[in-house]
Amino acid sequence: MNKANGRANGSATNGAGDYPANRFVPPAAVGLPPRPQFSPEQIKELTAALEVPLDPSVIEWRVTNTTKAGKPRGQVVPYADQRAYTDRLNSLFSPAGWTRKYVVHTSANFERSNDQKTVAKVFVSCELMIFGLGLHSATGEEWADDPNAVTSAEAQAFKRACVCFGLGRYLYYYAGTWVDLDDRKRPKTVPVLPPWATPDGWRQGLRPQQRRDSPDSDALANAKSSTNCGSAAPSSLILQIEAMAEPLGARMYRGLLKRIARVWNPRDIQDAALQQQVLAHMQAAERGFRRLDAALNRVGPEALTPILHSLKVQSIDVVDNLHTLHEIVVAVEAAAHGTTMKQ
């Protein structure tokens, strides 16, 4: 694993490659009106700068899956500490050019499915405002019995809000690589990032769909997906579907794949029209979760528990279809509306 970072971007670069620090200073910083007015060309340039991959020196690796038999192997995916996201925003807009706000809620206690332990969840919502570009919000969550629950949920919410602006979005396109693990289930080695996941490669025009996948014959869990890995790169629609895995969560992501396309792996979908249908349903689910987050911000997460009980749903994490999600969203929005009317 990578060493702990000192400065998030490691070197004198700002994580966006050779973009000069504070290139886009908001007018408020030079005594002009408080809200910057960017031209369409500047907005386009800023958006492109946000999408540039972070410097490889700040990338760390997380084990997401492990083999059940044979020598210990794990599937690793890249991620970055939230400090790297903060440094990129500071370098492009200055510390005065953006702001964020957190709201913390705690759910009522309920039984956790994997260990039948009664525990609450901590929810942290983050509103990220970039002056002149707009505002996005997202929610992170963690079990309350985790001693770092608030810190973890806060970082998750902030990074998800950044993704709405394009910052860190490229990491969702990384499918994962299988490596050997030590006796503590830590990677013995870490993969080399593909060229498109580096600032230089990205600025040269490389993108995920130009990647050539080579199946790892030693990875048991990769056996099925390797049948579709050849010289042909995955389509843009497939990459967009794969990028929905983290925003939707495992249950909803797999549930939609199974119900609509009857596959577990989106790369098994050969028909372009079916790919588009799957993507449309996943985008609808993402909008549903955002509506739910917004409603819970108004009414509080404790309102969710009785609604889930009435629908015989153990947790929002186990929802795997749009119909149930819609029922939950409508019920929570109705509760939020009633709270607003009383006020």
Protein backbone atom coordinates (compact mmCIF):
# COMPACT_ATOMS: atom_id res chain seq x y z
CA MET A 1 0.00 0.00 0.00
CA ASN A 2 1.12 3.56 -0.53
CA LYS A 3 2.69 5.43 2.31
CA ALA A 4 0.55 7.93 4.15
CA ASN A 5 0.42 11.19 2.31
CA GLY A 6 1.92 14.34 3.67
CA ARG A 7 0.62 16.96 1.30
CA ALA A 8 -2.19 15.37 -0.61
CA ASN A 9 -0.61 16.01 -3.99
CA GLY A 10 2.85 14.90 -3.02
CA SER A 11 4.93 17.15 -5.23
CA ALA A 12 5.04 20.75 -6.31
CA THR A 13 2.33 20.08 -8.88
CA ASN A 14 -1.24 20.77 -7.91
CA GLY A 15 -2.64 17.38 -8.93
CA ALA A 16 -4.01 18.66 -12.23
CA GLY A 17 -0.69 18.28 -14.00
CA ASP A 18 0.94 21.54 -15.00
CA TYR A 19 -1.99 23.84 -14.28
CA PRO A 20 -0.60 26.79 -12.29
CA ALA A 21 -1.91 27.10 -8.76
CA ASN A 22 -4.83 29.53 -8.34
CA ARG A 23 -5.09 29.98 -12.06
CA PHE A 24 -8.75 30.96 -11.78
CA VAL A 25 -8.93 33.43 -8.92
CA PRO A 26 -12.54 34.39 -8.14
CA PRO A 27 -13.28 38.11 -8.46
CA ALA A 28 -14.09 38.25 -4.73
CA ALA A 29 -10.39 37.69 -4.05
CA VAL A 30 -9.42 40.84 -5.96
CA GLY A 31 -12.08 43.18 -4.59
CA LEU A 32 -14.67 42.70 -7.32
CA PRO A 33 -18.29 41.53 -6.81
CA PRO A 34 -18.44 38.50 -4.51
CA ARG A 35 -19.71 36.06 -7.08
CA PRO A 36 -17.39 35.33 -10.04
CA GLN A 37 -18.81 35.55 -13.52
CA PHE A 38 -17.04 33.03 -15.72
CA SER A 39 -17.43 33.15 -19.46
CA PRO A 40 -18.66 30.02 -21.28
CA GLU A 41 -15.09 29.40 -22.42
CA GLN A 42 -13.78 29.63 -18.84
CA ILE A 43 -16.49 27.29 -17.58
CA LYS A 44 -15.57 24.77 -20.25
CA GLU A 45 -11.89 25.08 -19.36
CA LEU A 46 -12.57 24.78 -15.63
CA THR A 47 -14.76 21.72 -16.10
CA ALA A 48 -12.04 20.08 -18.20
CA ALA A 49 -9.45 20.89 -15.52
CA LEU A 50 -11.62 19.31 -12.81
CA GLU A 51 -11.90 16.09 -14.84
CA VAL A 52 -8.13 15.64 -15.16
CA PRO A 53 -6.99 12.62 -13.08
CA LEU A 54 -5.25 13.24 -9.77
CA ASP A 55 -1.50 12.83 -9.54
CA PRO A 56 -0.59 9.10 -9.20
CA SER A 57 1.37 9.90 -6.05
CA VAL A 58 -1.88 10.48 -4.12
CA ILE A 59 -3.61 7.29 -5.29
CA GLU A 60 -4.08 4.45 -2.80
CA TRP A 61 -5.63 1.01 -3.26
CA ARG A 62 -8.54 -0.70 -1.54
CA VAL A 63 -9.32 -4.43 -1.57
CA THR A 64 -12.98 -4.93 -2.58
CA ASN A 65 -13.21 -8.69 -3.27
CA THR A 66 -11.19 -11.75 -2.29
CA THR A 67 -10.98 -15.30 -3.58
CA LYS A 68 -12.62 -18.07 -1.56
CA ALA A 69 -10.10 -20.82 -2.32
CA GLY A 70 -6.45 -21.25 -3.29
CA LYS A 71 -3.80 -18.69 -2.59
CA PRO A 72 -5.13 -15.42 -1.17
CA ARG A 73 -5.88 -12.92 -3.92
CA GLY A 74 -7.92 -9.76 -3.91
CA GLN A 75 -9.42 -7.31 -6.35
CA VAL A 76 -8.12 -3.79 -5.74
CA VAL A 77 -9.47 -0.46 -6.92
CA PRO A 78 -7.85 2.98 -6.68
CA TYR A 79 -9.06 5.82 -4.48
CA ALA A 80 -7.73 9.11 -3.14
CA ASP A 81 -7.89 10.81 0.23
CA GLN A 82 -10.25 13.80 0.40
CA ARG A 83 -7.24 16.10 0.84
CA ALA A 84 -6.36 15.49 -2.80
CA TYR A 85 -9.83 16.72 -3.82
CA THR A 86 -9.44 19.77 -1.58
CA ASP A 87 -6.04 20.59 -3.10
CA ARG A 88 -7.45 20.42 -6.63
CA LEU A 89 -10.29 22.80 -5.76
CA ASN A 90 -7.87 25.19 -4.04
CA SER A 91 -5.47 25.13 -6.99
CA LEU A 92 -8.20 25.96 -9.51
CA PHE A 93 -10.42 28.35 -7.57
CA SER A 94 -8.35 29.41 -4.51
CA PRO A 95 -9.64 28.64 -1.00
CA ALA A 96 -12.02 31.60 -1.32
CA GLY A 97 -13.58 30.29 -4.52
CA TRP A 98 -15.53 27.38 -3.06
CA THR A 99 -17.14 26.25 0.15
CA ARG A 100 -18.80 23.18 1.64
CA LYS A 101 -21.36 22.58 4.38
CA TYR A 102 -22.01 19.37 6.31
CA VAL A 103 -25.17 18.17 8.06
CA VAL A 104 -24.98 15.10 10.31
CA HIS A 105 -27.94 12.83 11.11
CA THR A 106 -28.22 9.54 12.95
CA SER A 107 -30.87 6.94 12.14
CA ALA A 108 -32.86 4.94 14.66
CA ASN A 109 -31.37 1.61 15.72
CA PHE A 110 -32.20 -1.39 13.55
CA GLU A 111 -30.88 -4.90 13.05
CA ARG A 112 -27.91 -5.19 10.72
CA SER A 113 -28.40 -8.05 8.26
CA ASN A 114 -24.89 -9.50 8.17
CA ASP A 115 -24.40 -9.97 11.93
CA GLN A 116 -27.91 -9.36 13.40
CA LYS A 117 -26.48 -6.63 15.62
CA THR A 118 -28.75 -3.72 16.54
CA VAL A 119 -27.03 -0.52 15.55
CA ALA A 120 -27.71 2.91 14.08
CA LYS A 121 -26.28 4.55 10.99
CA VAL A 122 -24.61 7.92 10.69
CA PHE A 123 -25.54 9.98 7.63
CA VAL A 124 -23.53 13.04 6.57
CA SER A 125 -24.75 15.31 3.79
CA CYS A 126 -22.31 17.63 2.06
CA GLU A 127 -23.25 20.68 0.00
CA LEU A 128 -20.36 21.73 -2.22
CA MET A 129 -20.55 25.19 -3.76
CA ILE A 130 -18.08 26.34 -6.40
CA PHE A 131 -18.75 30.03 -6.94
CA GLY A 132 -19.58 30.64 -10.58
CA LEU A 133 -20.14 26.96 -11.40
CA GLY A 134 -22.93 25.88 -9.07
CA LEU A 135 -23.84 23.69 -6.11
CA HIS A 136 -24.07 19.93 -5.72
CA SER A 137 -24.86 17.80 -2.69
CA ALA A 138 -24.31 14.17 -1.77
CA THR A 139 -24.61 11.91 1.25
CA GLY A 140 -22.16 9.53 2.92
CA GLU A 141 -23.01 6.89 5.49
CA GLU A 142 -21.32 4.62 8.01
CA TRP A 143 -22.36 2.31 10.83
CA ALA A 144 -22.47 4.15 14.15
CA ASP A 145 -20.39 1.48 15.92
CA ASP A 146 -17.40 2.46 13.77
CA PRO A 147 -15.23 4.78 15.92
CA ASN A 148 -14.52 6.89 12.80
CA ALA A 149 -18.10 6.86 11.51
CA VAL A 150 -18.55 10.61 11.13
CA THR A 151 -15.12 11.11 9.56
CA SER A 152 -15.66 8.31 7.06
CA ALA A 153 -19.18 9.43 6.13
CA GLU A 154 -18.02 13.03 5.81
CA ALA A 155 -15.19 12.11 3.43
CA GLN A 156 -17.53 9.92 1.38
CA ALA A 157 -20.13 12.68 1.07
CA PHE A 158 -17.56 15.31 0.09
CA LYS A 159 -15.96 13.15 -2.59
CA ARG A 160 -19.34 12.17 -4.01
CA ALA A 161 -20.27 15.86 -4.25
CA CYS A 162 -16.97 16.53 -6.05
CA VAL A 163 -17.79 13.79 -8.56
CA CYS A 164 -20.89 15.75 -9.56
CA PHE A 165 -18.50 18.43 -10.87
CA GLY A 166 -16.34 15.80 -12.61
CA LEU A 167 -13.56 15.75 -10.00
CA GLY A 168 -12.57 12.13 -9.34
CA ARG A 169 -15.18 10.73 -11.72
CA TYR A 170 -12.54 8.89 -13.72
CA LEU A 171 -11.89 6.56 -10.78
CA TYR A 172 -15.33 4.98 -11.30
CA TYR A 173 -14.19 3.64 -14.66
CA TYR A 174 -11.49 1.47 -13.14
CA ALA A 175 -12.79 -2.11 -13.20
CA GLY A 176 -10.39 -3.50 -10.59
CA THR A 177 -7.24 -5.64 -10.77
CA TRP A 178 -6.51 -8.93 -9.01
CA VAL A 179 -3.28 -9.14 -6.98
CA ASP A 180 -1.74 -11.45 -4.38
CA LEU A 181 -2.53 -10.67 -0.73
CA ASP A 182 -0.42 -11.17 2.38
CA ASP A 183 -1.62 -12.97 5.52
CA ARG A 184 -3.37 -9.79 6.66
CA LYS A 185 -5.23 -9.49 3.34
CA ARG A 186 -3.16 -6.54 2.18
CA PRO A 187 -1.89 -6.27 -1.41
CA LYS A 188 1.68 -7.48 -1.82
CA THR A 189 2.01 -5.26 -4.88
CA VAL A 190 -0.13 -2.50 -6.35
CA PRO A 191 -1.06 -2.16 -10.04
CA VAL A 192 0.27 0.47 -12.38
CA LEU A 193 -2.43 2.94 -13.34
CA PRO A 194 -3.46 2.80 -17.02
CA PRO A 195 -2.31 5.81 -19.07
CA TRP A 196 -5.82 7.31 -19.23
CA ALA A 197 -5.87 7.49 -15.42
CA THR A 198 -2.83 9.81 -15.30
CA PRO A 199 -2.79 13.58 -15.92
CA ASP A 200 -0.39 13.29 -18.88
CA GLY A 201 -2.35 10.51 -20.57
CA TRP A 202 -5.65 12.31 -20.06
CA ARG A 203 -4.34 15.55 -21.57
CA GLN A 204 -3.08 13.56 -24.54
CA GLY A 205 -6.66 12.51 -25.22
CA LEU A 206 -6.62 8.99 -23.73
CA ARG A 207 -9.94 7.89 -22.22
CA PRO A 208 -11.18 4.70 -20.53
CA GLN A 209 -12.86 3.36 -23.66
CA GLN A 210 -9.45 3.22 -25.34
CA ARG A 211 -8.22 0.74 -22.73
CA ARG A 212 -7.42 -2.83 -23.78
CA ASP A 213 -8.33 -5.30 -21.07
CA SER A 214 -6.24 -8.44 -20.53
CA PRO A 215 -7.99 -11.08 -18.43
CA ASP A 216 -6.21 -12.33 -15.34
CA SER A 217 -6.33 -16.12 -15.73
CA ASP A 218 -5.47 -16.65 -12.05
CA ALA A 219 -8.49 -14.72 -10.75
CA LEU A 220 -11.37 -17.09 -10.08
CA ALA A 221 -13.88 -14.29 -9.77
CA ASN A 222 -12.82 -12.85 -13.13
CA ALA A 223 -13.41 -16.02 -15.13
CA LYS A 224 -16.83 -15.15 -16.50
CA SER A 225 -16.09 -11.54 -17.43
CA SER A 226 -12.90 -12.53 -19.23
CA THR A 227 -14.92 -14.23 -21.97
CA ASN A 228 -15.83 -10.82 -23.37
CA CYS A 229 -12.35 -9.28 -23.01
CA GLY A 230 -10.62 -9.21 -26.35
CA SER A 231 -9.15 -6.64 -28.63
CA ALA A 232 -12.44 -4.71 -28.76
CA ALA A 233 -12.79 -2.00 -26.12
CA PRO A 234 -16.00 -1.75 -24.12
CA SER A 235 -18.54 0.70 -25.50
CA SER A 236 -19.17 4.12 -24.01
CA LEU A 237 -22.58 2.92 -22.76
CA ILE A 238 -20.98 -0.02 -20.94
CA LEU A 239 -18.48 2.29 -19.27
CA GLN A 240 -21.28 4.60 -18.20
CA ILE A 241 -23.18 1.64 -16.73
CA GLU A 242 -20.08 0.46 -14.85
CA ALA A 243 -19.60 3.96 -13.47
CA MET A 244 -23.03 3.70 -11.81
CA ALA A 245 -21.92 0.87 -9.50
CA GLU A 246 -20.70 3.06 -6.63
CA PRO A 247 -23.42 5.74 -6.72
CA LEU A 248 -26.18 3.09 -6.69
CA GLY A 249 -24.64 0.56 -4.31
CA ALA A 250 -24.23 -3.15 -4.93
CA ARG A 251 -27.86 -4.23 -4.38
CA MET A 252 -29.52 -1.72 -6.70
CA TYR A 253 -26.78 -2.00 -9.32
CA ARG A 254 -26.94 -5.80 -9.50
CA GLY A 255 -30.72 -5.81 -9.15
CA LEU A 256 -31.22 -3.60 -12.21
CA LEU A 257 -28.72 -5.59 -14.26
CA LYS A 258 -30.51 -8.82 -13.41
CA ARG A 259 -34.08 -7.58 -13.90
CA ILE A 260 -33.56 -5.65 -17.12
CA ALA A 261 -30.75 -7.46 -18.93
CA ARG A 262 -30.62 -10.80 -17.03
CA VAL A 263 -26.85 -10.51 -16.59
CA TRP A 264 -24.51 -9.94 -13.66
CA ASN A 265 -21.82 -8.20 -15.71
CA PRO A 266 -22.75 -5.26 -17.98
CA ARG A 267 -20.14 -6.37 -20.50
CA ASP A 268 -22.31 -9.40 -21.20
CA ILE A 269 -24.95 -7.07 -22.72
CA GLN A 270 -24.42 -7.18 -26.47
CA ASP A 271 -27.44 -5.19 -27.67
CA ALA A 272 -26.92 -1.41 -27.72
CA ALA A 273 -30.62 -0.69 -27.18
CA LEU A 274 -30.62 -2.89 -24.07
CA GLN A 275 -27.48 -1.15 -22.83
CA GLN A 276 -29.29 2.18 -23.20
CA GLN A 277 -32.32 0.82 -21.34
CA VAL A 278 -30.18 -0.40 -18.44
CA LEU A 279 -28.37 2.94 -18.24
CA ALA A 280 -31.67 4.86 -18.26
CA HIS A 281 -33.00 2.79 -15.35
CA MET A 282 -29.77 3.28 -13.40
CA GLN A 283 -29.86 7.03 -13.99
CA ALA A 284 -33.46 7.05 -12.75
CA ALA A 285 -32.35 5.18 -9.61
CA GLU A 286 -29.56 7.70 -9.03
CA ARG A 287 -32.07 10.55 -9.30
CA GLY A 288 -34.30 8.68 -6.84
CA PHE A 289 -31.51 8.39 -4.30
CA ARG A 290 -30.76 12.10 -4.68
CA ARG A 291 -34.43 12.95 -4.08
CA LEU A 292 -34.36 10.72 -1.03
CA ASP A 293 -31.22 12.45 0.31
CA ALA A 294 -32.82 15.86 -0.21
CA ALA A 295 -36.02 14.83 1.59
CA LEU A 296 -34.10 13.27 4.48
CA ASN A 297 -32.12 16.50 4.86
CA ARG A 298 -35.44 18.26 5.54
CA VAL A 299 -37.18 15.71 7.73
CA GLY A 300 -34.24 13.84 9.32
CA PRO A 301 -33.19 10.20 8.80
CA GLU A 302 -35.29 8.99 11.73
CA ALA A 303 -38.38 9.33 9.50
CA LEU A 304 -37.02 6.60 7.25
CA THR A 305 -37.27 3.77 9.78
CA PRO A 306 -41.10 3.52 10.07
CA ILE A 307 -41.45 3.85 6.30
CA LEU A 308 -39.04 0.96 5.74
CA HIS A 309 -40.90 -1.12 8.33
CA SER A 310 -44.25 -0.45 6.66
CA LEU A 311 -42.82 -1.70 3.35
CA LYS A 312 -41.14 -4.65 5.08
CA VAL A 313 -37.73 -3.44 3.94
CA GLN A 314 -34.89 -4.02 6.38
CA SER A 315 -32.63 -1.22 5.16
CA ILE A 316 -32.31 1.20 2.26
CA ASP A 317 -29.11 -0.71 1.42
CA VAL A 318 -31.09 -3.80 0.37
CA VAL A 319 -33.42 -2.03 -2.07
CA ASP A 320 -32.78 -3.49 -5.52
CA ASN A 321 -35.59 -2.19 -7.74
CA LEU A 322 -37.06 1.13 -8.86
CA HIS A 323 -40.60 0.37 -7.67
CA THR A 324 -39.61 -0.01 -4.02
CA LEU A 325 -37.26 2.98 -4.21
CA HIS A 326 -40.09 5.08 -5.66
CA GLU A 327 -42.43 4.10 -2.81
CA ILE A 328 -39.80 5.03 -0.23
CA VAL A 329 -38.99 8.36 -1.89
CA VAL A 330 -42.66 9.35 -2.19
CA ALA A 331 -43.32 8.47 1.47
CA VAL A 332 -40.29 10.40 2.75
CA GLU A 333 -41.11 13.41 0.57
CA ALA A 334 -44.68 13.35 1.91
CA ALA A 335 -43.32 13.34 5.47
CA ALA A 336 -40.97 16.21 4.61
CA HIS A 337 -43.85 18.17 3.08
CA GLY A 338 -45.95 17.63 6.21
CA THR A 339 -43.10 18.88 8.38
CA THR A 340 -42.74 21.97 6.21
CA MET A 341 -46.49 22.69 6.40
CA LYS A 342 -46.44 22.48 10.21
CA GLN A 343 -43.63 24.97 10.35
